[in-house]
């Protein structure tokens, strides 16, 4: 039984079903089965702790306690005494040397959403959030990709931020509906978009398009830096991050072409476009 299936609950099937409909799943199909299983285990961990932050079930204190339990269980796993909640991670941790600090960093990112609804964070806070919820996942992933830490962690830094900023731009309306807004305060204030801190009011302003385009510029910078690292052909299975970068940068460009002023439509790529990107990247060769 593979790691992703070894979670041992109906939720495991839901995790794999959700993954199977995403570009993540397509990228994972490029990997050997053993490495793919490890990536699905990482993905399952991320889905489970993200649900704690986002499903709205329980009080903030109760959700904080759930995250604390994950921290405690992970520390026990690394001490050789894994609880049932984290046991599905044990094979990947042992085989690929996944670092405890990166799992804990992901939890720190989830804690930022649990502690309060993030609204117009500073650029520094936004960067920290992206590092925790995305680049830390990249640092776990590059171990499975077999990359050396120096280029691998730099790739995780840039590609993780690029992907997260792209998702922030895709999910503006969904986030505003639950009282969150991840667009940086400095950009909003420059265009006088912070008259109130009501996310729904802010994202309805026409000036939001210019703010989002500045955030898109940040994302493009990180995509470019990631591509430069990949172009140097570092050691490891780099087809997977290459495809993720190609897919999400295409989503970003499609979002820019559509524009960010209300009414917005969440951009997704059709399967034909995904296949085209796979072929263009030469990933079947």
Protein backbone atom coordinates (compact mmCIF):
# COMPACT_ATOMS: atom_id res chain seq x y z
CA UNK A 1 0.00 0.00 0.00
CA UNK A 2 1.48 3.40 -0.91
CA UNK A 3 2.02 6.25 1.51
CA UNK A 4 -0.90 8.33 0.31
CA UNK A 5 -3.29 5.43 0.73
CA UNK A 6 -1.78 4.48 4.06
CA UNK A 7 -3.52 7.32 5.85
CA UNK A 8 -6.24 4.78 6.45
CA UNK A 9 -9.48 6.77 6.38
CA UNK A 10 -12.14 7.99 3.95
CA UNK A 11 -10.36 11.34 4.05
CA UNK A 12 -7.39 9.71 2.32
CA UNK A 13 -9.50 8.91 -0.72
CA UNK A 14 -10.79 12.48 -0.76
CA UNK A 15 -7.22 13.80 -0.70
CA UNK A 16 -6.19 11.65 -3.65
CA UNK A 17 -9.38 12.49 -5.54
CA UNK A 18 -8.77 16.20 -5.07
CA UNK A 19 -5.15 15.80 -6.19
CA UNK A 20 -6.16 13.77 -9.23
CA UNK A 21 -8.08 16.72 -10.67
CA UNK A 22 -5.21 19.17 -10.31
CA UNK A 23 -2.05 20.12 -12.16
CA UNK A 24 -0.25 18.80 -9.08
CA UNK A 25 -1.38 15.28 -9.98
CA UNK A 26 -0.19 15.65 -13.57
CA UNK A 27 3.20 16.78 -12.30
CA UNK A 28 3.37 13.87 -9.88
CA UNK A 29 2.74 11.40 -12.69
CA UNK A 30 6.17 12.35 -14.05
CA UNK A 31 7.85 10.83 -11.00
CA UNK A 32 8.76 7.21 -10.13
CA UNK A 33 6.10 5.50 -8.03
CA UNK A 34 8.10 5.59 -4.80
CA UNK A 35 8.85 9.30 -5.06
CA UNK A 36 5.29 9.99 -6.15
CA UNK A 37 3.98 8.25 -3.04
CA UNK A 38 6.20 10.45 -0.87
CA UNK A 39 4.86 13.55 -2.64
CA UNK A 40 1.28 12.42 -2.07
CA UNK A 41 2.10 12.00 1.63
CA UNK A 42 3.40 15.59 1.76
CA UNK A 43 0.31 16.73 -0.15
CA UNK A 44 -1.97 14.88 2.27
CA UNK A 45 -0.27 16.54 5.24
CA UNK A 46 -0.72 19.96 3.65
CA UNK A 47 -4.40 19.32 2.88
CA UNK A 48 -5.12 18.14 6.41
CA UNK A 49 -3.53 21.10 8.19
CA UNK A 50 -4.86 23.57 5.62
CA UNK A 51 -8.37 22.28 6.34
CA UNK A 52 -7.86 23.12 10.02
CA UNK A 53 -7.04 26.70 9.06
CA UNK A 54 -9.75 27.09 6.43
CA UNK A 55 -12.77 24.93 7.22
CA UNK A 56 -14.01 27.25 9.97
CA UNK A 57 -14.93 24.32 12.22
CA UNK A 58 -14.47 25.12 15.88
CA UNK A 59 -13.23 28.23 17.63
CA UNK A 60 -9.84 29.75 16.90
CA UNK A 61 -8.61 28.28 20.19
CA UNK A 62 -9.80 24.81 19.19
CA UNK A 63 -8.15 25.04 15.78
CA UNK A 64 -4.96 26.28 17.46
CA UNK A 65 -5.03 23.18 19.67
CA UNK A 66 -5.38 20.94 16.61
CA UNK A 67 -2.29 22.53 15.06
CA UNK A 68 -0.44 22.14 18.36
CA UNK A 69 -1.33 18.44 18.35
CA UNK A 70 0.20 18.12 14.88
CA UNK A 71 3.39 19.79 16.17
CA UNK A 72 3.55 17.43 19.11
CA UNK A 73 2.87 14.36 16.97
CA UNK A 74 5.50 15.36 14.39
CA UNK A 75 8.12 15.79 17.11
CA UNK A 76 7.24 12.34 18.43
CA UNK A 77 7.55 10.93 14.91
CA UNK A 78 11.08 12.31 14.60
CA UNK A 79 11.87 10.92 18.04
CA UNK A 80 10.87 7.46 16.78
CA UNK A 81 7.40 7.24 18.29
CA UNK A 82 4.91 8.20 15.59
CA UNK A 83 1.24 8.53 16.52
CA UNK A 84 -1.48 7.29 14.14
CA UNK A 85 -2.12 10.84 12.91
CA UNK A 86 1.38 11.23 11.44
CA UNK A 87 2.40 7.63 10.80
CA UNK A 88 1.67 7.92 7.06
CA UNK A 89 4.60 10.36 6.81
CA UNK A 90 7.15 7.96 8.33
CA UNK A 91 8.29 6.20 5.11
CA UNK A 92 8.89 9.50 3.27
CA UNK A 93 10.66 11.04 6.25
CA UNK A 94 12.96 8.04 6.59
CA UNK A 95 13.71 7.58 2.90
CA UNK A 96 14.15 11.18 1.81
CA UNK A 97 15.37 12.89 4.95
CA UNK A 98 12.47 15.34 5.15
CA UNK A 99 13.21 17.99 7.75
CA UNK A 100 11.05 18.48 10.83
CA UNK A 101 11.61 22.25 10.67
CA UNK A 102 9.90 22.42 7.28
CA UNK A 103 6.79 20.60 8.50
CA UNK A 104 6.71 22.92 11.51
CA UNK A 105 7.08 25.94 9.24
CA UNK A 106 3.98 24.87 7.29
CA UNK A 107 2.11 24.68 10.60
CA UNK A 108 3.36 28.16 11.48
CA UNK A 109 1.82 29.39 8.24
CA UNK A 110 -1.50 27.75 9.08
CA UNK A 111 -1.30 29.35 12.51
CA UNK A 112 -1.11 32.78 10.88
CA UNK A 113 -4.55 32.14 9.35
CA UNK A 114 -5.95 30.68 12.56
CA UNK A 115 -4.71 33.48 14.85
CA UNK A 116 -6.61 36.11 12.86
CA UNK A 117 -8.01 36.75 9.41
CA UNK A 118 -5.13 38.23 7.43
CA UNK A 119 -6.19 41.53 5.87
CA UNK A 120 -3.78 43.71 3.87
CA UNK A 121 -0.55 42.39 5.39
CA UNK A 122 2.72 44.26 5.02
CA UNK A 123 5.01 43.07 2.23
CA UNK A 124 7.29 41.54 4.87
CA UNK A 125 4.40 39.66 6.49
CA UNK A 126 3.14 38.48 3.11
CA UNK A 127 6.61 37.21 2.22
CA UNK A 128 6.84 35.35 5.54
CA UNK A 129 3.40 33.82 4.95
CA UNK A 130 4.40 32.67 1.45
CA UNK A 131 7.61 31.18 2.82
CA UNK A 132 5.74 29.18 5.44
CA UNK A 133 2.75 27.92 3.46
CA UNK A 134 4.47 27.41 0.08
CA UNK A 135 8.26 27.60 0.07
CA UNK A 136 8.46 25.29 3.10
CA UNK A 137 6.47 22.73 1.10
CA UNK A 138 9.02 23.24 -1.66
CA UNK A 139 11.86 22.55 0.77
CA UNK A 140 10.19 19.24 1.64
CA UNK A 141 9.61 18.48 -2.03
CA UNK A 142 13.16 19.07 -3.25
CA UNK A 143 14.32 16.30 -0.93
CA UNK A 144 12.04 13.91 -2.83
CA UNK A 145 13.21 15.39 -6.13
CA UNK A 146 16.76 14.39 -5.16
CA UNK A 147 18.10 17.94 -5.48
CA UNK A 148 21.09 19.25 -3.58
CA UNK A 149 20.09 21.67 -0.85
CA UNK A 150 21.75 24.83 -2.18
CA UNK A 151 19.96 25.01 -5.56
CA UNK A 152 16.96 23.10 -4.20
CA UNK A 153 16.21 25.48 -1.35
CA UNK A 154 16.71 28.48 -3.65
CA UNK A 155 14.27 26.93 -6.12
CA UNK A 156 11.81 26.33 -3.27
CA UNK A 157 12.17 29.95 -2.18
CA UNK A 158 11.29 31.39 -5.57
CA UNK A 159 8.90 28.84 -7.03
CA UNK A 160 6.96 28.55 -3.76
CA UNK A 161 6.43 32.30 -3.60
CA UNK A 162 5.51 32.48 -7.29
CA UNK A 163 2.89 29.75 -6.94
CA UNK A 164 1.42 31.22 -3.75
CA UNK A 165 1.17 34.74 -5.17
CA UNK A 166 -0.55 33.30 -8.24
CA UNK A 167 -3.05 31.50 -6.03
CA UNK A 168 -3.65 34.67 -4.02
CA UNK A 169 -4.54 36.51 -7.23
CA UNK A 170 -6.82 33.66 -8.36
CA UNK A 171 -8.65 33.50 -5.04
CA UNK A 172 -9.29 37.18 -4.31
CA UNK A 173 -13.06 36.85 -4.18
CA UNK A 174 -13.10 33.54 -2.30
CA UNK A 175 -10.75 34.95 0.33
CA UNK A 176 -12.72 38.20 0.65
CA UNK A 177 -15.90 36.21 1.25
CA UNK A 178 -14.35 34.74 4.40
CA UNK A 179 -12.85 38.04 5.56
CA UNK A 180 -9.32 37.65 4.22
CA UNK A 181 -7.22 39.77 1.86
CA UNK A 182 -3.60 38.89 1.16
CA UNK A 183 -2.76 41.85 -1.10
CA UNK A 184 0.05 43.92 0.46
CA UNK A 185 -0.91 47.02 2.40
CA UNK A 186 1.85 49.14 0.85
CA UNK A 187 0.39 48.65 -2.64
CA UNK A 188 -3.16 49.25 -1.45
CA UNK A 189 -2.23 52.44 0.39
CA UNK A 190 -0.38 53.87 -2.59
CA UNK A 191 -3.64 53.69 -4.57
CA UNK A 192 -5.76 54.81 -1.61
CA UNK A 193 -7.52 51.44 -1.43
CA UNK A 194 -7.41 51.12 2.34
CA UNK A 195 -10.16 53.55 3.33
CA UNK A 196 -11.64 50.59 5.16
CA UNK A 197 -10.25 47.20 6.03
CA UNK A 198 -13.32 45.41 4.72
CA UNK A 199 -11.97 42.91 2.18
CA UNK A 200 -15.21 42.88 0.17
CA UNK A 201 -15.18 46.67 -0.10
CA UNK A 202 -11.51 46.76 -1.08
CA UNK A 203 -11.74 44.14 -3.83
CA UNK A 204 -14.76 45.89 -5.32
CA UNK A 205 -12.75 49.08 -5.98
CA UNK A 206 -11.62 49.59 -9.60
CA UNK A 207 -8.08 50.43 -8.42
CA UNK A 208 -7.68 46.81 -7.33
CA UNK A 209 -6.62 45.90 -10.87
CA UNK A 210 -3.45 47.99 -10.59
CA UNK A 211 -2.67 46.54 -7.16
CA UNK A 212 -3.03 42.99 -8.45
CA UNK A 213 -0.83 43.72 -11.44
CA UNK A 214 1.94 44.82 -9.08
CA UNK A 215 1.57 41.55 -7.16
CA UNK A 216 1.67 39.72 -10.50
CA UNK A 217 4.96 41.50 -11.18
CA UNK A 218 6.37 40.05 -7.95
CA UNK A 219 5.21 36.60 -9.00
CA UNK A 220 6.83 36.98 -12.44
CA UNK A 221 10.11 37.91 -10.76
CA UNK A 222 10.03 34.72 -8.72
CA UNK A 223 9.08 32.61 -11.78
CA UNK A 224 12.05 34.10 -13.63
CA UNK A 225 14.41 33.31 -10.76
CA UNK A 226 13.08 29.75 -10.54
CA UNK A 227 13.46 29.27 -14.27
CA UNK A 228 17.07 30.46 -14.11
CA UNK A 229 17.81 27.81 -11.47
CA UNK A 230 16.12 25.08 -13.52
CA UNK A 231 17.86 26.21 -16.72
CA UNK A 232 21.19 25.43 -15.04
CA UNK A 233 20.03 21.77 -14.94
CA UNK A 234 20.73 21.05 -11.26
CA UNK A 235 20.89 17.44 -10.14
CA UNK A 236 17.54 15.82 -9.42
CA UNK A 237 14.08 15.19 -10.86
CA UNK A 238 13.43 18.70 -12.13
CA UNK A 239 10.68 17.84 -14.63
CA UNK A 240 8.05 18.15 -11.91
CA UNK A 241 8.92 21.68 -10.71
CA UNK A 242 9.42 22.72 -14.35
CA UNK A 243 5.87 21.71 -15.16
CA UNK A 244 4.42 23.34 -12.04
CA UNK A 245 6.18 26.58 -12.93
CA UNK A 246 4.99 26.40 -16.54
CA UNK A 247 1.36 25.72 -15.58
CA UNK A 248 1.06 28.36 -12.91
CA UNK A 249 2.89 31.06 -14.87
CA UNK A 250 0.42 30.39 -17.68
CA UNK A 251 -2.45 30.78 -15.20
CA UNK A 252 -0.92 34.08 -14.08
CA UNK A 253 -0.67 35.36 -17.65
CA UNK A 254 -4.27 34.31 -18.33
CA UNK A 255 -5.36 36.16 -15.19
CA UNK A 256 -3.54 39.29 -16.30
CA UNK A 257 -5.11 39.09 -19.75
CA UNK A 258 -8.56 38.83 -18.17
CA UNK A 259 -7.90 41.65 -15.71
CA UNK A 260 -8.45 41.84 -11.97
CA UNK A 261 -11.26 44.37 -11.70
CA UNK A 262 -14.67 43.10 -10.61
CA UNK A 263 -16.46 41.08 -11.80
CA UNK A 264 -13.68 38.51 -11.86
CA UNK A 265 -13.62 34.92 -13.01
CA UNK A 266 -11.25 32.41 -11.39
CA UNK A 267 -8.88 31.29 -14.12
CA UNK A 268 -8.28 27.60 -14.77
CA UNK A 269 -6.52 25.97 -17.70
CA UNK A 270 -8.39 23.46 -19.87
CA UNK A 271 -6.95 19.96 -20.10
CA UNK A 272 -5.91 20.62 -23.69
CA UNK A 273 -3.77 23.52 -22.53
CA UNK A 274 -2.23 21.42 -19.77
CA UNK A 275 -1.30 18.74 -22.30
CA UNK A 276 0.16 21.40 -24.57
CA UNK A 277 2.35 22.65 -21.74
CA UNK A 278 3.53 19.13 -20.97
CA UNK A 279 4.50 18.61 -24.61
CA UNK A 280 6.08 22.05 -24.90
CA UNK A 281 8.25 21.38 -21.87
CA UNK A 282 9.41 18.13 -23.48
CA UNK A 283 8.43 16.24 -20.36
CA UNK A 284 7.54 13.04 -22.19
CA UNK A 285 10.98 12.87 -23.80
